[in-house]
């Protein structure tokens, strides 16, 4: 998953992770492929912040 694949709002939200943005994007890619592959905490985060744009 690339930052450019997200909406502007999603980019701003995920960029709050600073130098760890790459990790959060990697988890998002995993989540979109298989939601069961990430922890429940990350599932909640992605449902709340990244459900408006499909892959």
C-alpha atoms as a PDB file:
ATOM      1  CA  UNK A   1       0.000   0.000   0.000  1.00  0.00           C
ATOM      2  CA  UNK A   2       1.266   3.461  -0.880  1.00  0.00           C
ATOM      3  CA  UNK A   3       0.384   6.773   0.708  1.00  0.00           C
ATOM      4  CA  UNK A   4      -0.805   7.963  -2.719  1.00  0.00           C
ATOM      5  CA  UNK A   5      -3.459   5.216  -2.720  1.00  0.00           C
ATOM      6  CA  UNK A   6      -5.309   6.935   0.133  1.00  0.00           C
ATOM      7  CA  UNK A   7      -7.648   9.900   0.165  1.00  0.00           C
ATOM      8  CA  UNK A   8      -6.219  13.235   1.328  1.00  0.00           C
ATOM      9  CA  UNK A   9      -8.011  12.869   4.666  1.00  0.00           C
ATOM     10  CA  UNK A  10      -6.643   9.352   5.146  1.00  0.00           C
ATOM     11  CA  UNK A  11      -3.124  10.532   4.248  1.00  0.00           C
ATOM     12  CA  UNK A  12      -3.283  13.231   6.910  1.00  0.00           C
ATOM     13  CA  UNK A  13      -4.535  10.810   9.553  1.00  0.00           C
ATOM     14  CA  UNK A  14      -1.978   8.091   8.830  1.00  0.00           C
ATOM     15  CA  UNK A  15       0.879  10.612   8.624  1.00  0.00           C
ATOM     16  CA  UNK A  16       0.362  11.262  12.338  1.00  0.00           C
ATOM     17  CA  UNK A  17       2.469   8.125  12.860  1.00  0.00           C
ATOM     18  CA  UNK A  18       5.561  10.014  11.642  1.00  0.00           C
ATOM     19  CA  UNK A  19       8.523   7.765  10.899  1.00  0.00           C
ATOM     20  CA  UNK A  20       6.309   4.707  11.495  1.00  0.00           C
ATOM     21  CA  UNK A  21       3.921   5.589   8.666  1.00  0.00           C
ATOM     22  CA  UNK A  22       5.534   2.906   6.481  1.00  0.00           C
ATOM     23  CA  UNK A  23       4.628   0.267   9.092  1.00  0.00           C
ATOM     24  CA  UNK A  24       1.026   1.434   9.398  1.00  0.00           C
ATOM     25  CA  UNK A  25       0.707   1.395   5.587  1.00  0.00           C
ATOM     26  CA  UNK A  26       2.136  -2.118   5.468  1.00  0.00           C
ATOM     27  CA  UNK A  27      -0.412  -3.254   8.053  1.00  0.00           C
ATOM     28  CA  UNK A  28      -3.175  -1.527   6.087  1.00  0.00           C
ATOM     29  CA  UNK A  29      -2.173  -3.502   2.991  1.00  0.00           C
ATOM     30  CA  UNK A  30      -2.277  -6.709   5.036  1.00  0.00           C
ATOM     31  CA  UNK A  31      -5.654  -5.717   6.479  1.00  0.00           C
ATOM     32  CA  UNK A  32      -7.142  -5.074   3.041  1.00  0.00           C
ATOM     33  CA  UNK A  33      -5.943  -8.492   1.830  1.00  0.00           C
ATOM     34  CA  UNK A  34      -6.997 -10.346   4.985  1.00  0.00           C
ATOM     35  CA  UNK A  35      -8.590  -8.449   7.888  1.00  0.00           C
ATOM     36  CA  UNK A  36      -7.867 -11.401  10.172  1.00  0.00           C
ATOM     37  CA  UNK A  37      -4.125 -10.919   9.729  1.00  0.00           C
ATOM     38  CA  UNK A  38      -3.945  -7.831  11.964  1.00  0.00           C
ATOM     39  CA  UNK A  39      -4.720  -7.401  15.665  1.00  0.00           C
ATOM     40  CA  UNK A  40      -8.129  -6.272  16.848  1.00  0.00           C
ATOM     41  CA  UNK A  41      -6.713  -2.847  17.757  1.00  0.00           C
ATOM     42  CA  UNK A  42      -5.532  -2.273  14.182  1.00  0.00           C
ATOM     43  CA  UNK A  43      -8.807  -3.589  12.779  1.00  0.00           C
ATOM     44  CA  UNK A  44     -10.674  -0.967  14.819  1.00  0.00           C
ATOM     45  CA  UNK A  45      -8.289   1.748  13.652  1.00  0.00           C
ATOM     46  CA  UNK A  46      -8.682   0.830   9.979  1.00  0.00           C
ATOM     47  CA  UNK A  47     -12.464   0.465  10.220  1.00  0.00           C
ATOM     48  CA  UNK A  48     -12.723   3.918  11.800  1.00  0.00           C
ATOM     49  CA  UNK A  49     -10.217   5.696   9.561  1.00  0.00           C
ATOM     50  CA  UNK A  50      -9.917   3.877   6.242  1.00  0.00           C
ATOM     51  CA  UNK A  51     -13.246   2.336   5.372  1.00  0.00           C
ATOM     52  CA  UNK A  52     -14.321   5.131   2.985  1.00  0.00           C
ATOM     53  CA  UNK A  53     -12.015   4.080   0.129  1.00  0.00           C
ATOM     54  CA  UNK A  54     -11.815   0.521  -1.101  1.00  0.00           C
ATOM     55  CA  UNK A  55      -8.653  -1.095  -2.453  1.00  0.00           C
END
